[in-house]
N, C-alpha and C. Protein backbone atom coordinates (compact mmCIF):
# COMPACT_ATOMS: atom_id res chain seq x y z
N UNK A 1 0.80 -1.17 -0.02
CA UNK A 1 -0.05 -0.03 -0.02
C UNK A 1 0.86 1.25 -0.04
N UNK A 2 2.12 1.13 0.04
CA UNK A 2 3.01 2.28 -0.01
C UNK A 2 3.21 3.00 1.23
N UNK A 3 3.21 2.41 2.43
CA UNK A 3 3.52 3.03 3.61
C UNK A 3 4.92 3.49 3.76
N UNK A 4 5.11 4.68 4.07
CA UNK A 4 6.50 5.20 4.12
C UNK A 4 7.28 4.95 5.38
N UNK A 5 6.50 4.59 6.47
CA UNK A 5 7.23 4.25 7.70
C UNK A 5 6.42 3.13 8.38
N UNK A 6 7.15 2.47 9.31
CA UNK A 6 6.51 1.43 10.11
C UNK A 6 5.46 2.06 11.04
N UNK A 7 5.74 3.21 11.49
CA UNK A 7 4.79 3.94 12.50
C UNK A 7 3.46 4.15 11.80
N UNK A 8 3.45 4.63 10.57
CA UNK A 8 2.18 4.90 9.75
C UNK A 8 1.47 3.57 9.52
N UNK A 9 2.17 2.48 9.24
CA UNK A 9 1.51 1.20 9.04
C UNK A 9 0.93 0.73 10.24
N UNK A 10 1.60 0.81 11.38
CA UNK A 10 0.93 0.47 12.65
C UNK A 10 -0.28 1.22 13.03
N UNK A 11 -0.20 2.54 12.73
CA UNK A 11 -1.36 3.39 12.98
C UNK A 11 -2.51 2.97 12.17
N UNK A 12 -2.30 2.76 10.88
CA UNK A 12 -3.37 2.27 9.97
C UNK A 12 -3.92 0.90 10.41
N UNK A 13 -3.11 0.01 10.76
CA UNK A 13 -3.50 -1.36 11.18
C UNK A 13 -4.32 -1.30 12.44
N UNK A 14 -3.98 -0.48 13.41
CA UNK A 14 -4.73 -0.41 14.66
C UNK A 14 -6.14 0.17 14.41
N UNK A 15 -6.34 1.18 13.51
CA UNK A 15 -7.58 1.64 13.22
C UNK A 15 -8.41 0.75 12.40
N UNK A 16 -7.75 0.12 11.36
CA UNK A 16 -8.44 -0.65 10.40
C UNK A 16 -8.90 -1.98 11.14
N UNK A 17 -8.16 -2.51 12.06
CA UNK A 17 -8.58 -3.77 12.78
C UNK A 17 -9.80 -3.51 13.64
N UNK A 18 -9.84 -2.25 14.31
CA UNK A 18 -10.90 -1.95 15.13
C UNK A 18 -12.20 -1.78 14.32
N UNK A 19 -12.10 -1.12 13.15
CA UNK A 19 -13.34 -0.93 12.34
C UNK A 19 -13.79 -2.31 11.73
N UNK A 20 -12.83 -3.07 11.33
CA UNK A 20 -13.18 -4.36 10.69
C UNK A 20 -13.85 -5.21 11.81
N UNK A 21 -13.40 -5.23 13.03
CA UNK A 21 -14.05 -6.06 14.03
C UNK A 21 -15.41 -5.61 14.33
N UNK A 22 -15.72 -4.27 14.14
CA UNK A 22 -17.04 -3.84 14.26
C UNK A 22 -18.00 -4.41 13.19
N UNK A 23 -17.56 -4.38 11.91
CA UNK A 23 -18.42 -4.67 10.83
C UNK A 23 -18.44 -6.09 10.42
N UNK A 24 -17.43 -6.92 10.66
CA UNK A 24 -17.42 -8.30 10.24
C UNK A 24 -17.94 -9.16 11.32
N UNK A 25 -18.97 -9.92 11.06
CA UNK A 25 -19.60 -10.75 12.17
C UNK A 25 -18.59 -11.91 12.50
N UNK A 26 -18.74 -12.48 13.68
CA UNK A 26 -17.86 -13.63 14.07
C UNK A 26 -18.04 -14.79 13.08
N UNK A 27 -16.99 -15.49 12.96
CA UNK A 27 -16.98 -16.61 12.02
C UNK A 27 -17.69 -17.88 12.69
N UNK A 28 -18.91 -17.97 12.48
CA UNK A 28 -19.64 -19.13 12.98
C UNK A 28 -20.91 -19.17 12.00
N UNK A 29 -21.57 -20.33 12.10
CA UNK A 29 -22.73 -20.41 11.19
C UNK A 29 -23.87 -19.55 11.74
N UNK A 30 -24.20 -18.63 10.88
CA UNK A 30 -25.36 -17.69 11.21
C UNK A 30 -26.31 -17.61 10.16
N UNK A 31 -27.55 -17.29 10.41
CA UNK A 31 -28.47 -17.09 9.35
C UNK A 31 -28.24 -15.81 8.56
N UNK A 32 -28.83 -15.66 7.45
CA UNK A 32 -28.61 -14.39 6.77
C UNK A 32 -29.26 -13.30 7.52
N UNK A 33 -30.33 -13.53 8.16
CA UNK A 33 -31.08 -12.51 8.97
C UNK A 33 -30.19 -12.06 10.19
N UNK A 34 -29.53 -13.02 10.84
CA UNK A 34 -28.62 -12.68 11.95
C UNK A 34 -27.46 -11.79 11.43
N UNK A 35 -26.95 -12.15 10.33
CA UNK A 35 -25.79 -11.39 9.69
C UNK A 35 -26.31 -9.97 9.33
N UNK A 36 -27.47 -9.87 8.80
CA UNK A 36 -28.10 -8.60 8.41
C UNK A 36 -28.30 -7.74 9.64
N UNK A 37 -28.80 -8.24 10.64
CA UNK A 37 -29.01 -7.52 11.89
C UNK A 37 -27.75 -7.04 12.53
N UNK A 38 -26.67 -7.91 12.47
CA UNK A 38 -25.37 -7.51 13.03
C UNK A 38 -24.85 -6.29 12.13
N UNK A 39 -24.98 -6.28 10.89
CA UNK A 39 -24.55 -5.23 10.14
C UNK A 39 -25.38 -3.89 10.23
N UNK A 40 -26.59 -4.08 10.52
CA UNK A 40 -27.45 -2.83 10.83
C UNK A 40 -26.97 -2.22 12.18
N UNK A 41 -26.78 -3.03 13.12
CA UNK A 41 -26.29 -2.53 14.45
C UNK A 41 -24.93 -1.93 14.38
N UNK A 42 -24.07 -2.55 13.56
CA UNK A 42 -22.66 -2.04 13.44
C UNK A 42 -22.73 -0.65 12.71
N UNK A 43 -23.67 -0.51 11.73
CA UNK A 43 -23.68 0.75 11.02
C UNK A 43 -24.29 1.82 11.94
N UNK A 44 -25.28 1.48 12.83
CA UNK A 44 -25.80 2.40 13.71
C UNK A 44 -24.77 2.87 14.74
N UNK A 45 -23.91 1.97 15.19
CA UNK A 45 -22.89 2.30 16.15
C UNK A 45 -21.87 3.22 15.47
N UNK A 46 -21.44 2.91 14.24
CA UNK A 46 -20.52 3.69 13.49
C UNK A 46 -21.06 5.11 13.29
N UNK A 47 -22.35 5.24 12.95
CA UNK A 47 -22.94 6.57 12.78
C UNK A 47 -22.93 7.36 14.06
N UNK A 48 -23.23 6.70 15.22
CA UNK A 48 -23.16 7.35 16.49
C UNK A 48 -21.80 7.85 16.89
N UNK A 49 -20.81 7.02 16.53
CA UNK A 49 -19.41 7.36 16.97
C UNK A 49 -18.88 8.46 16.13
N UNK A 50 -19.17 8.42 14.75
CA UNK A 50 -18.62 9.41 13.85
C UNK A 50 -19.49 10.66 13.73
N UNK A 51 -20.72 10.58 14.24
CA UNK A 51 -21.59 11.74 14.17
C UNK A 51 -22.14 11.91 12.78
N UNK A 52 -22.17 10.78 12.07
CA UNK A 52 -22.77 10.86 10.67
C UNK A 52 -24.31 11.07 10.73
N UNK A 53 -24.89 11.74 9.69
CA UNK A 53 -26.26 11.93 9.70
C UNK A 53 -26.91 10.61 9.41
N UNK A 54 -28.11 10.37 10.10
CA UNK A 54 -28.87 9.18 10.07
C UNK A 54 -29.60 9.02 8.75
């Protein structure tokens, strides 16, 4: 990805992993409905944290 320093890479990974953990459901057998509900809740939390308009 063209990171110029190890520090910038670590900064990116720390933020990316936190966001990814919010949006990606746990790896287990889930119904499509359960996955959909997980993503709706994740998006609502993301909007609350970032202050995005609903």
